[in-house]
Amino acid sequence: MSAPHSLVRLAVICAALLFSRASLAQDRWSYELIPFVWTSALNGQQAIHGISTDVDASFTDLLEVLNFGASLRFAAHSDSLGWYAELNYADLEAEDLGPLGNSELRVTQIIGDAGLSYAFNDALAVYGGVRYQDLDNEIFVGNNLSASDNPSWVDGVVGVQWTPVASQNWLLWLRGDVGAGSSDLVWLMETGFGYSWTEAYAVYFAYRLLDTDYSKDGFVYDMQQSGLALGFGFRF
């Protein structure tokens, strides 16, 4: 069995085991809804049916590149079990990318994550689930070349989260996951901190790096996407 399919199978097995444990749990559950606003920088290669461009948009280019970025995360957890769902949306447009100097890339992006988690203690947890990506892409090169495509794909992911600080007011975390399926490889790293001044509300600040290597039928998306996010949590 190939590595990508093995990772998908492992993610499904982990999710099934966690779900079976969750169905038996009698712990009290708590919930949190977190809307985020975020920025995103791109670095990599984009190709559509033979027309390609190198993308190198750093943080200094964010105001020119990112038209809009937002996400919404919902999480539920008991003492040890949990589940989560997250939806991210970005509308990007950039010009003069790469060595050609006259290329333009337009991207409308949706990323969805959903899965289950298990906490061994207050500091260490594992999670597994699926990551869905949908891209509506257009590339323009010079006055005569253009191409567009609207691919979507799903990968299974498994990850671990370390939370060295989890006090009544402060939260500090570092998490990472890796997966495959439709992609050759996808991995994520995230670090951030949060502050809660009451039981019901919290603010979060995070940095995230998402790396995706996907190709199919002439479409190539080999891209690192990194950025900062600011969120506000509603707990109940």
Protein backbone atom coordinates (compact mmCIF):
# COMPACT_ATOMS: atom_id res chain seq x y z
CA MET A 1 0.00 0.00 0.00
CA SER A 2 1.38 3.45 -0.92
CA ALA A 3 2.34 5.99 1.74
CA PRO A 4 -0.47 8.46 0.90
CA HIS A 5 -3.16 5.80 1.14
CA SER A 6 -1.60 4.47 4.36
CA LEU A 7 -1.84 7.93 5.92
CA VAL A 8 -5.48 8.27 4.87
CA ARG A 9 -6.25 4.86 6.34
CA LEU A 10 -4.42 5.76 9.57
CA ALA A 11 -6.41 9.01 9.86
CA VAL A 12 -9.70 7.13 9.36
CA ILE A 13 -8.76 4.49 11.94
CA CYS A 14 -7.76 7.15 14.49
CA ALA A 15 -11.02 9.01 13.91
CA ALA A 16 -13.06 5.81 14.30
CA LEU A 17 -11.31 4.89 17.56
CA LEU A 18 -11.77 8.37 18.97
CA PHE A 19 -15.43 8.39 17.95
CA SER A 20 -16.04 5.08 19.67
CA ARG A 21 -14.47 6.44 22.85
CA ALA A 22 -16.48 9.65 22.58
CA SER A 23 -19.75 7.75 22.28
CA LEU A 24 -19.07 6.11 25.64
CA ALA A 25 -17.81 9.18 27.45
CA GLN A 26 -19.94 10.65 30.21
CA ASP A 27 -17.77 13.73 30.79
CA ARG A 28 -19.19 17.23 30.71
CA TRP A 29 -18.57 18.86 27.34
CA SER A 30 -17.63 22.48 26.68
CA TYR A 31 -17.75 24.34 23.36
CA GLU A 32 -16.03 27.29 21.71
CA LEU A 33 -16.70 29.27 18.54
CA ILE A 34 -13.73 31.29 17.23
CA PRO A 35 -13.94 33.64 14.23
CA PHE A 36 -10.51 34.66 12.86
CA VAL A 37 -9.22 37.32 10.54
CA TRP A 38 -5.91 36.41 8.94
CA THR A 39 -3.19 37.36 6.51
CA SER A 40 -1.44 34.98 4.17
CA ALA A 41 1.83 34.94 2.24
CA LEU A 42 2.46 32.50 -0.63
CA ASN A 43 5.67 30.89 -1.81
CA GLY A 44 5.91 28.17 -4.44
CA GLN A 45 4.84 27.16 -7.93
CA GLN A 46 1.42 27.31 -9.59
CA ALA A 47 0.75 25.74 -12.99
CA ILE A 48 -2.43 25.25 -15.01
CA HIS A 49 -2.30 23.20 -18.23
CA GLY A 50 1.30 24.13 -19.04
CA ILE A 51 1.07 27.80 -18.03
CA SER A 52 2.99 28.36 -14.80
CA THR A 53 4.21 31.10 -12.52
CA ASP A 54 6.53 31.19 -9.54
CA VAL A 55 4.93 32.78 -6.51
CA ASP A 56 7.00 34.63 -3.93
CA ALA A 57 4.72 36.96 -1.97
CA SER A 58 6.29 37.73 1.40
CA PHE A 59 4.74 39.48 4.40
CA THR A 60 5.79 42.84 2.92
CA ASP A 61 3.48 42.11 -0.04
CA LEU A 62 0.40 41.20 2.01
CA LEU A 63 -1.49 44.43 1.46
CA GLU A 64 -1.07 44.01 -2.30
CA VAL A 65 -1.74 40.26 -2.37
CA LEU A 66 -4.48 39.53 0.16
CA ASN A 67 -7.89 40.98 -0.63
CA PHE A 68 -9.73 39.14 2.12
CA GLY A 69 -9.07 36.35 4.59
CA ALA A 70 -11.26 34.92 7.35
CA SER A 71 -11.89 31.66 9.15
CA LEU A 72 -14.34 30.14 11.61
CA ARG A 73 -13.46 27.35 14.03
CA PHE A 74 -15.80 25.36 16.26
CA ALA A 75 -14.37 23.02 18.89
CA ALA A 76 -15.85 20.79 21.58
CA HIS A 77 -14.03 18.90 24.29
CA SER A 78 -14.44 16.96 27.49
CA ASP A 79 -11.59 16.04 29.85
CA SER A 80 -9.90 13.87 27.23
CA LEU A 81 -12.05 13.68 24.10
CA GLY A 82 -12.83 16.35 21.56
CA TRP A 83 -13.82 17.21 18.03
CA TYR A 84 -13.33 20.23 15.79
CA ALA A 85 -14.41 21.79 12.49
CA GLU A 86 -12.80 24.78 10.77
CA LEU A 87 -13.51 26.69 7.56
CA ASN A 88 -11.03 29.13 5.98
CA TYR A 89 -11.66 31.50 3.06
CA ALA A 90 -9.20 33.74 1.19
CA ASP A 91 -9.44 35.86 -1.93
CA LEU A 92 -6.00 36.71 -3.32
CA GLU A 93 -4.73 38.58 -6.36
CA ALA A 94 -1.08 39.33 -7.12
CA GLU A 95 0.83 40.82 -10.04
CA ASP A 96 4.45 40.82 -11.17
CA LEU A 97 5.21 37.48 -9.55
CA GLY A 98 8.35 35.51 -10.31
CA PRO A 99 10.95 35.95 -13.04
CA LEU A 100 8.49 36.72 -15.87
CA GLY A 101 7.62 40.06 -14.34
CA ASN A 102 4.28 40.37 -16.15
CA SER A 103 2.30 37.50 -14.69
CA GLU A 104 -0.86 37.73 -12.62
CA LEU A 105 -2.35 35.14 -10.29
CA ARG A 106 -5.90 35.20 -8.92
CA VAL A 107 -6.93 32.67 -6.30
CA THR A 108 -10.16 32.09 -4.41
CA GLN A 109 -9.45 29.50 -1.74
CA ILE A 110 -11.53 27.44 0.67
CA ILE A 111 -9.88 25.13 3.21
CA GLY A 112 -11.95 22.95 5.53
CA ASP A 113 -10.71 20.81 8.43
CA ALA A 114 -12.65 18.39 10.61
CA GLY A 115 -11.61 15.67 13.00
CA LEU A 116 -11.42 14.19 16.48
CA SER A 117 -8.86 14.58 19.25
CA TYR A 118 -7.67 12.76 22.35
CA ALA A 119 -5.78 14.45 25.22
CA PHE A 120 -3.41 12.31 27.30
CA ASN A 121 -3.07 15.16 29.80
CA ASP A 122 -3.29 18.97 29.92
CA ALA A 123 -0.12 19.33 27.84
CA LEU A 124 -0.26 16.63 25.13
CA ALA A 125 -3.00 15.68 22.67
CA VAL A 126 -3.27 13.88 19.33
CA TYR A 127 -5.82 14.44 16.58
CA GLY A 128 -6.85 12.96 13.26
CA GLY A 129 -9.25 13.93 10.52
CA VAL A 130 -9.58 15.24 6.99
CA ARG A 131 -8.50 18.43 5.21
CA TYR A 132 -10.47 19.68 2.19
CA GLN A 133 -9.07 22.27 -0.22
CA ASP A 134 -10.90 24.03 -3.05
CA LEU A 135 -9.14 26.50 -5.38
CA ASP A 136 -10.58 28.72 -8.10
CA ASN A 137 -7.42 29.79 -9.94
CA GLU A 138 -6.59 32.01 -12.89
CA ILE A 139 -3.12 32.70 -14.36
CA PHE A 140 -2.38 35.47 -16.86
CA VAL A 141 1.04 35.77 -18.53
CA GLY A 142 1.67 38.69 -20.88
CA ASN A 143 -1.15 39.66 -23.23
CA ASN A 144 -1.84 36.30 -24.85
CA LEU A 145 -1.51 33.45 -22.33
CA SER A 146 -4.11 32.60 -19.72
CA ALA A 147 -5.51 29.54 -17.99
CA SER A 148 -8.00 28.75 -15.25
CA ASP A 149 -9.07 25.73 -13.21
CA ASN A 150 -11.22 24.88 -10.20
CA PRO A 151 -9.82 21.74 -8.51
CA SER A 152 -10.78 20.40 -5.11
CA TRP A 153 -9.35 17.52 -3.11
CA VAL A 154 -9.34 15.80 0.29
CA ASP A 155 -6.47 14.48 2.40
CA GLY A 156 -6.34 12.53 5.63
CA VAL A 157 -4.20 14.08 8.38
CA VAL A 158 -2.83 13.03 11.76
CA GLY A 159 -1.21 15.41 14.21
CA VAL A 160 -0.07 16.25 17.71
CA GLN A 161 -0.54 19.35 19.88
CA TRP A 162 1.67 20.41 22.77
CA THR A 163 0.28 22.97 25.24
CA PRO A 164 3.02 23.93 27.72
CA VAL A 165 0.92 26.71 29.27
CA ALA A 166 -2.77 26.18 30.07
CA SER A 167 -3.64 28.34 33.05
CA GLN A 168 -6.93 29.98 33.93
CA ASN A 169 -6.04 33.07 31.88
CA TRP A 170 -3.22 32.10 29.51
CA LEU A 171 -2.83 29.50 26.78
CA LEU A 172 0.28 28.70 24.72
CA TRP A 173 0.32 25.93 22.10
CA LEU A 174 2.34 24.35 19.31
CA ARG A 175 0.79 21.84 16.91
CA GLY A 176 1.67 20.07 13.70
CA ASP A 177 0.15 17.49 11.39
CA VAL A 178 1.00 15.60 8.23
CA GLY A 179 -1.21 13.91 5.66
CA ALA A 180 -1.77 12.73 2.13
CA GLY A 181 -4.43 11.21 -0.09
CA SER A 182 -5.21 13.31 -3.11
CA SER A 183 -2.08 15.38 -2.39
CA ASP A 184 1.37 13.89 -2.58
CA LEU A 185 1.98 15.49 0.80
CA VAL A 186 0.38 18.14 2.99
CA TRP A 187 1.67 19.33 6.36
CA LEU A 188 0.88 22.10 8.82
CA MET A 189 2.68 23.82 11.68
CA GLU A 190 1.01 26.33 14.02
CA THR A 191 1.98 28.17 17.17
CA GLY A 192 0.03 30.74 19.14
CA PHE A 193 -1.15 32.07 22.45
CA GLY A 194 -4.46 33.10 23.96
CA TYR A 195 -5.70 35.20 26.84
CA SER A 196 -9.04 34.77 28.61
CA TRP A 197 -10.25 37.42 31.05
CA THR A 198 -13.53 35.61 31.77
CA GLU A 199 -14.78 32.05 31.36
CA ALA A 200 -16.86 33.09 28.36
CA TYR A 201 -14.43 35.09 26.19
CA ALA A 202 -10.85 34.82 24.93
CA VAL A 203 -8.56 36.38 22.33
CA TYR A 204 -6.04 34.42 20.26
CA PHE A 205 -2.99 35.28 18.16
CA ALA A 206 -1.35 32.61 16.01
CA TYR A 207 1.12 31.96 13.20
CA ARG A 208 0.40 29.14 10.74
CA LEU A 209 2.35 27.51 7.92
CA LEU A 210 0.55 25.17 5.50
CA ASP A 211 2.52 23.32 2.82
CA THR A 212 0.65 21.53 0.01
CA ASP A 213 2.09 19.49 -2.86
CA TYR A 214 -0.78 18.59 -5.20
CA SER A 215 -0.85 17.83 -8.93
CA LYS A 216 -3.43 16.29 -11.26
CA ASP A 217 -4.34 16.55 -14.96
CA GLY A 218 -2.00 19.45 -15.70
CA PHE A 219 -2.79 21.35 -12.51
CA VAL A 220 0.15 21.87 -10.12
CA TYR A 221 -0.12 23.48 -6.70
CA ASP A 222 3.22 23.22 -4.88
CA MET A 223 2.80 25.99 -2.36
CA GLN A 224 3.68 27.14 1.14
CA GLN A 225 1.09 29.40 2.69
CA SER A 226 1.99 31.23 5.90
CA GLY A 227 0.38 34.00 7.87
CA LEU A 228 -0.82 35.55 11.10
CA ALA A 229 -4.30 35.16 12.56
CA LEU A 230 -6.22 37.10 15.20
CA GLY A 231 -9.29 35.46 16.72
CA PHE A 232 -11.97 36.03 19.35
CA GLY A 233 -13.40 33.05 21.21
CA PHE A 234 -16.95 32.62 22.52
CA ARG A 235 -17.18 29.79 25.07
CA PHE A 236 -20.30 28.04 26.29
